[in-house]
C-alpha atoms as a PDB file:
ATOM      1  CA  MET A   1       7.060 -10.036 -12.284  1.00  0.00           C
ATOM      2  CA  THR A   2       6.477  -8.723  -8.744  1.00  0.00           C
ATOM      3  CA  THR A   3       3.678  -6.511 -10.069  1.00  0.00           C
ATOM      4  CA  ASP A   4       1.993  -9.496 -11.779  1.00  0.00           C
ATOM      5  CA  LYS A   5       2.338 -11.572  -8.614  1.00  0.00           C
ATOM      6  CA  SER A   6       0.942  -8.755  -6.435  1.00  0.00           C
ATOM      7  CA  LEU A   7      -1.946  -8.215  -8.828  1.00  0.00           C
ATOM      8  CA  SER A   8      -2.779 -11.932  -8.930  1.00  0.00           C
ATOM      9  CA  HIS A   9      -2.687 -12.052  -5.126  1.00  0.00           C
ATOM     10  CA  MET A  10      -4.974  -9.005  -4.912  1.00  0.00           C
ATOM     11  CA  ILE A  11      -7.497 -10.536  -7.347  1.00  0.00           C
ATOM     12  CA  ASP A  12      -7.507 -13.822  -5.387  1.00  0.00           C
ATOM     13  CA  GLU A  13      -8.044 -11.962  -2.089  1.00  0.00           C
ATOM     14  CA  VAL A  14     -10.951  -9.934  -3.512  1.00  0.00           C
ATOM     15  CA  ARG A  15     -12.575 -13.053  -4.959  1.00  0.00           C
ATOM     16  CA  GLY A  16     -12.281 -14.764  -1.577  1.00  0.00           C
ATOM     17  CA  LEU A  17     -13.863 -11.829   0.237  1.00  0.00           C
ATOM     18  CA  VAL A  18     -16.700 -11.511  -2.262  1.00  0.00           C
ATOM     19  CA  ALA A  19     -17.437 -15.251  -2.126  1.00  0.00           C
ATOM     20  CA  ASP A  20     -18.532 -14.788   1.516  1.00  0.00           C
ATOM     21  CA  LEU A  21     -20.911 -11.898   0.731  1.00  0.00           C
ATOM     22  CA  HIS A  22     -24.630 -12.515   0.342  1.00  0.00           C
ATOM     23  CA  PRO A  23     -25.989 -11.093  -1.835  1.00  0.00           C
ATOM     24  CA  ARG A  24     -22.979 -10.936  -4.089  1.00  0.00           C
ATOM     25  CA  PRO A  25     -22.163  -7.460  -5.497  1.00  0.00           C
ATOM     26  CA  ARG A  26     -22.458  -6.878  -9.232  1.00  0.00           C
ATOM     27  CA  ARG A  27     -19.438  -4.579  -9.419  1.00  0.00           C
ATOM     28  CA  LEU A  28     -16.559  -3.881  -7.039  1.00  0.00           C
ATOM     29  CA  ARG A  29     -13.696  -1.395  -7.149  1.00  0.00           C
ATOM     30  CA  VAL A  30     -10.642  -1.780  -4.911  1.00  0.00           C
ATOM     31  CA  ARG A  31      -7.591   0.444  -4.593  1.00  0.00           C
ATOM     32  CA  ALA A  32      -4.544  -0.957  -2.824  1.00  0.00           C
ATOM     33  CA  GLY A  33      -1.054   0.449  -3.080  1.00  0.00           C
ATOM     34  CA  GLU A  34      -0.208   0.968  -6.728  1.00  0.00           C
ATOM     35  CA  PHE A  35      -3.257  -0.914  -8.045  1.00  0.00           C
ATOM     36  CA  ASP A  36      -6.732   0.267  -8.923  1.00  0.00           C
ATOM     37  CA  LEU A  37      -8.813  -2.853  -9.621  1.00  0.00           C
ATOM     38  CA  GLU A  38     -12.379  -3.000 -10.878  1.00  0.00           C
ATOM     39  CA  MET A  39     -14.184  -6.332 -11.012  1.00  0.00           C
ATOM     40  CA  GLU A  40     -17.604  -7.094 -12.463  1.00  0.00           C
ATOM     41  CA  TRP A  41     -19.732 -10.229 -12.362  1.00  0.00           C
ATOM     42  CA  PRO A  42     -22.488 -11.038 -14.863  1.00  0.00           C
ATOM     43  CA  ASP A  43     -26.137 -10.523 -13.866  1.00  0.00           C
ATOM     44  CA  GLU A  44     -27.344 -14.002 -12.972  1.00  0.00           C
ATOM     45  CA  PRO A  45     -29.662 -15.498 -10.400  1.00  0.00           C
ATOM     46  CA  GLU A  46     -27.810 -16.391  -7.200  1.00  0.00           C
ATOM     47  CA  ALA A  47     -25.929 -19.615  -7.946  1.00  0.00           C
ATOM     48  CA  THR A  48     -24.470 -22.151  -5.553  1.00  0.00           C
ATOM     49  CA  SER A  49     -20.954 -21.243  -6.653  1.00  0.00           C
ATOM     50  CA  LEU A  50     -19.461 -17.893  -7.457  1.00  0.00           C
ATOM     51  CA  PRO A  51     -18.768 -17.462 -11.178  1.00  0.00           C
ATOM     52  CA  PRO A  52     -15.292 -16.278 -12.068  1.00  0.00           C
ATOM     53  CA  ALA A  53     -14.921 -12.512 -12.005  1.00  0.00           C
ATOM     54  CA  GLN A  54     -13.993 -10.612 -15.116  1.00  0.00           C
ATOM     55  CA  VAL A  55     -11.338  -8.002 -14.595  1.00  0.00           C
ATOM     56  CA  VAL A  56     -12.732  -4.866 -16.195  1.00  0.00           C
ATOM     57  CA  ALA A  57      -9.842  -2.474 -15.632  1.00  0.00           C
ATOM     58  CA  VAL A  58      -6.505  -2.662 -13.933  1.00  0.00           C
ATOM     59  CA  GLU A  59      -4.368   0.436 -13.944  1.00  0.00           C
ATOM     60  CA  PRO A  60      -1.415   1.550 -11.878  1.00  0.00           C
ATOM     61  CA  ALA A  61      -2.570   4.262  -9.468  1.00  0.00           C
ATOM     62  CA  GLY A  62       0.562   6.255 -10.303  1.00  0.00           C
ATOM     63  CA  PRO A  63       3.934   6.022 -11.940  1.00  0.00           C
ATOM     64  CA  ALA A  64       5.923   2.871 -11.349  1.00  0.00           C
ATOM     65  CA  PRO A  65       8.701   3.220  -8.807  1.00  0.00           C
ATOM     66  CA  ASP A  66      12.124   3.928 -10.254  1.00  0.00           C
ATOM     67  CA  SER A  67      14.680   1.138  -9.884  1.00  0.00           C
ATOM     68  CA  THR A  68      16.828   3.511  -7.804  1.00  0.00           C
ATOM     69  CA  THR A  69      14.130   3.956  -5.154  1.00  0.00           C
ATOM     70  CA  VAL A  70      13.827   1.946  -1.962  1.00  0.00           C
ATOM     71  CA  ALA A  71      10.357   1.013  -0.738  1.00  0.00           C
ATOM     72  CA  ILE A  72       9.485   1.152   2.944  1.00  0.00           C
ATOM     73  CA  GLU A  73       7.004  -1.691   3.389  1.00  0.00           C
ATOM     74  CA  SER A  74       4.374  -2.257   6.032  1.00  0.00           C
ATOM     75  CA  PRO A  75       5.489  -4.809   8.631  1.00  0.00           C
ATOM     76  CA  LEU A  76       1.859  -5.624   9.489  1.00  0.00           C
ATOM     77  CA  VAL A  77      -1.796  -5.167   8.543  1.00  0.00           C
ATOM     78  CA  GLY A  78      -3.419  -2.026   9.922  1.00  0.00           C
ATOM     79  CA  HIS A  79      -4.378   1.598   9.290  1.00  0.00           C
ATOM     80  CA  PHE A  80      -1.691   3.866   7.800  1.00  0.00           C
ATOM     81  CA  PHE A  81      -1.259   7.323   9.340  1.00  0.00           C
ATOM     82  CA  ARG A  82       1.055  10.078   8.147  1.00  0.00           C
ATOM     83  CA  SER A  83       0.997  12.044  11.432  1.00  0.00           C
ATOM     84  CA  PRO A  84       1.165  11.204  15.148  1.00  0.00           C
ATOM     85  CA  GLU A  85      -2.413  12.422  15.774  1.00  0.00           C
ATOM     86  CA  PRO A  86      -5.309  13.975  13.839  1.00  0.00           C
ATOM     87  CA  GLY A  87      -4.570  17.561  12.829  1.00  0.00           C
ATOM     88  CA  ALA A  88      -0.818  17.292  13.501  1.00  0.00           C
ATOM     89  CA  ASP A  89       1.816  17.883  10.851  1.00  0.00           C
ATOM     90  CA  PRO A  90       2.798  14.737   8.923  1.00  0.00           C
ATOM     91  CA  PHE A  91       6.019  12.971   9.855  1.00  0.00           C
ATOM     92  CA  VAL A  92       7.313  13.426   6.291  1.00  0.00           C
ATOM     93  CA  ALA A  93       6.206  14.783   2.917  1.00  0.00           C
ATOM     94  CA  PRO A  94       7.515  14.184  -0.606  1.00  0.00           C
ATOM     95  CA  GLY A  95      10.853  15.946  -0.989  1.00  0.00           C
ATOM     96  CA  ASP A  96      11.794  15.684   2.694  1.00  0.00           C
ATOM     97  CA  VAL A  97      15.227  14.300   3.582  1.00  0.00           C
ATOM     98  CA  VAL A  98      15.158  11.557   6.226  1.00  0.00           C
ATOM     99  CA  GLN A  99      17.821   9.841   8.291  1.00  0.00           C
ATOM    100  CA  GLU A 100      18.116   6.172   9.213  1.00  0.00           C
ATOM    101  CA  GLY A 101      15.708   5.336  12.037  1.00  0.00           C
ATOM    102  CA  GLN A 102      13.605   8.483  11.612  1.00  0.00           C
ATOM    103  CA  VAL A 103       9.855   7.887  12.072  1.00  0.00           C
ATOM    104  CA  VAL A 104       8.117   8.378   8.716  1.00  0.00           C
ATOM    105  CA  ALA A 105       4.615   7.017   9.485  1.00  0.00           C
ATOM    106  CA  ILE A 106       2.493   4.929  11.854  1.00  0.00           C
ATOM    107  CA  VAL A 107       0.539   1.749  11.207  1.00  0.00           C
ATOM    108  CA  GLU A 108      -2.177   1.207  13.809  1.00  0.00           C
ATOM    109  CA  ALA A 109      -3.085  -2.398  14.527  1.00  0.00           C
ATOM    110  CA  MET A 110      -5.394  -3.421  17.370  1.00  0.00           C
ATOM    111  CA  LYS A 111      -5.121   0.048  18.964  1.00  0.00           C
ATOM    112  CA  LEU A 112      -1.310  -0.164  19.008  1.00  0.00           C
ATOM    113  CA  MET A 113       0.611   2.540  17.153  1.00  0.00           C
ATOM    114  CA  ASN A 114       3.544   0.915  15.339  1.00  0.00           C
ATOM    115  CA  ARG A 115       6.235   3.363  14.277  1.00  0.00           C
ATOM    116  CA  ILE A 116       7.517   2.963  10.722  1.00  0.00           C
ATOM    117  CA  THR A 117      11.103   4.155  10.347  1.00  0.00           C
ATOM    118  CA  ALA A 118      13.418   4.942   7.457  1.00  0.00           C
ATOM    119  CA  PRO A 119      15.830   2.068   6.726  1.00  0.00           C
ATOM    120  CA  GLY A 120      18.553   4.547   5.779  1.00  0.00           C
ATOM    121  CA  PRO A 121      19.142   8.149   4.752  1.00  0.00           C
ATOM    122  CA  GLY A 122      17.338   9.442   1.695  1.00  0.00           C
ATOM    123  CA  ARG A 123      14.744  11.721   0.164  1.00  0.00           C
ATOM    124  CA  VAL A 124      11.017  10.910   0.227  1.00  0.00           C
ATOM    125  CA  VAL A 125       9.895  10.443  -3.392  1.00  0.00           C
ATOM    126  CA  ARG A 126       6.304   9.352  -2.887  1.00  0.00           C
ATOM    127  CA  ILE A 127       3.861   8.354  -0.154  1.00  0.00           C
ATOM    128  CA  LEU A 128       1.655   5.616  -1.612  1.00  0.00           C
ATOM    129  CA  PRO A 129      -1.349   5.046   0.705  1.00  0.00           C
ATOM    130  CA  ALA A 130      -3.657   7.868   1.753  1.00  0.00           C
ATOM    131  CA  ASP A 131      -3.880   8.836   5.405  1.00  0.00           C
ATOM    132  CA  GLY A 132      -6.149   6.339   7.169  1.00  0.00           C
ATOM    133  CA  ASP A 133      -5.982   3.670   4.444  1.00  0.00           C
ATOM    134  CA  VAL A 134      -5.873   0.018   5.460  1.00  0.00           C
ATOM    135  CA  VAL A 135      -2.522  -1.456   4.458  1.00  0.00           C
ATOM    136  CA  GLU A 136      -1.420  -5.068   4.133  1.00  0.00           C
ATOM    137  CA  TYR A 137       1.726  -6.844   5.303  1.00  0.00           C
ATOM    138  CA  GLY A 138       4.511  -6.135   2.797  1.00  0.00           C
ATOM    139  CA  GLN A 139       2.592  -3.341   1.031  1.00  0.00           C
ATOM    140  CA  GLN A 140       4.776  -0.468  -0.113  1.00  0.00           C
ATOM    141  CA  LEU A 141       4.144   2.645   1.962  1.00  0.00           C
ATOM    142  CA  ILE A 142       6.832   5.168   1.065  1.00  0.00           C
ATOM    143  CA  LEU A 143       9.371   5.360  -1.733  1.00  0.00           C
ATOM    144  CA  LEU A 144      12.789   6.774  -0.854  1.00  0.00           C
ATOM    145  CA  GLU A 145      15.625   7.838  -3.071  1.00  0.00           C
ATOM    146  CA  PRO A 146      18.667   6.658  -1.088  1.00  0.00           C
ATOM    147  CA  ASP A 147      21.325   9.207  -0.216  1.00  0.00           C
ATOM    148  CA  GLU A 148      24.534   7.221  -0.572  1.00  0.00           C
ATOM    149  CA  SER A 149      26.735  10.149   0.508  1.00  0.00           C
ATOM    150  CA  ALA A 150      24.889  10.407   3.816  1.00  0.00           C
ATOM    151  CA  ARG A 151      25.172   6.632   4.267  1.00  0.00           C
ATOM    152  CA  MET A 152      28.941   6.805   3.761  1.00  0.00           C
ATOM    153  CA  GLU A 153      29.308   9.668   6.256  1.00  0.00           C
ATOM    154  CA  ILE A 154      27.403   7.723   8.908  1.00  0.00           C
ATOM    155  CA  ALA A 155      29.435   4.569   8.252  1.00  0.00           C
ATOM    156  CA  SER A 156      32.815   6.282   8.613  1.00  0.00           C
END
């Protein structure tokens, strides 16, 4: 259900953005998080209202997250960066083990670098956006496989 809701929200957002464009594009492709959306409008003379878009193709950009994974979500809208500066090593890569509070990425918003941290110990399964991608509030950034044994050690 969350996927359907996210997809519906994405389609509504794209329609809203396109409605303000003059001239209107004939075809548009958008990739956001796990979605790859392609929309196409019929060839018609410019009308006073925007005809409904037809969704041509909607495919997950990768495998669906496992129910055992925990998603680190973006707390704000901005540009996603995997490393502290251009050319530097990334904070984390798939397969890396992270600890609670460890910086795993940065989201830049209005020239402010916002540190994204791991909510708990675990192993990085997948990094969803590409370096430099614009991310939305609540968009999944990184999937972690929680390490319950590490959590128990920290708690005791």
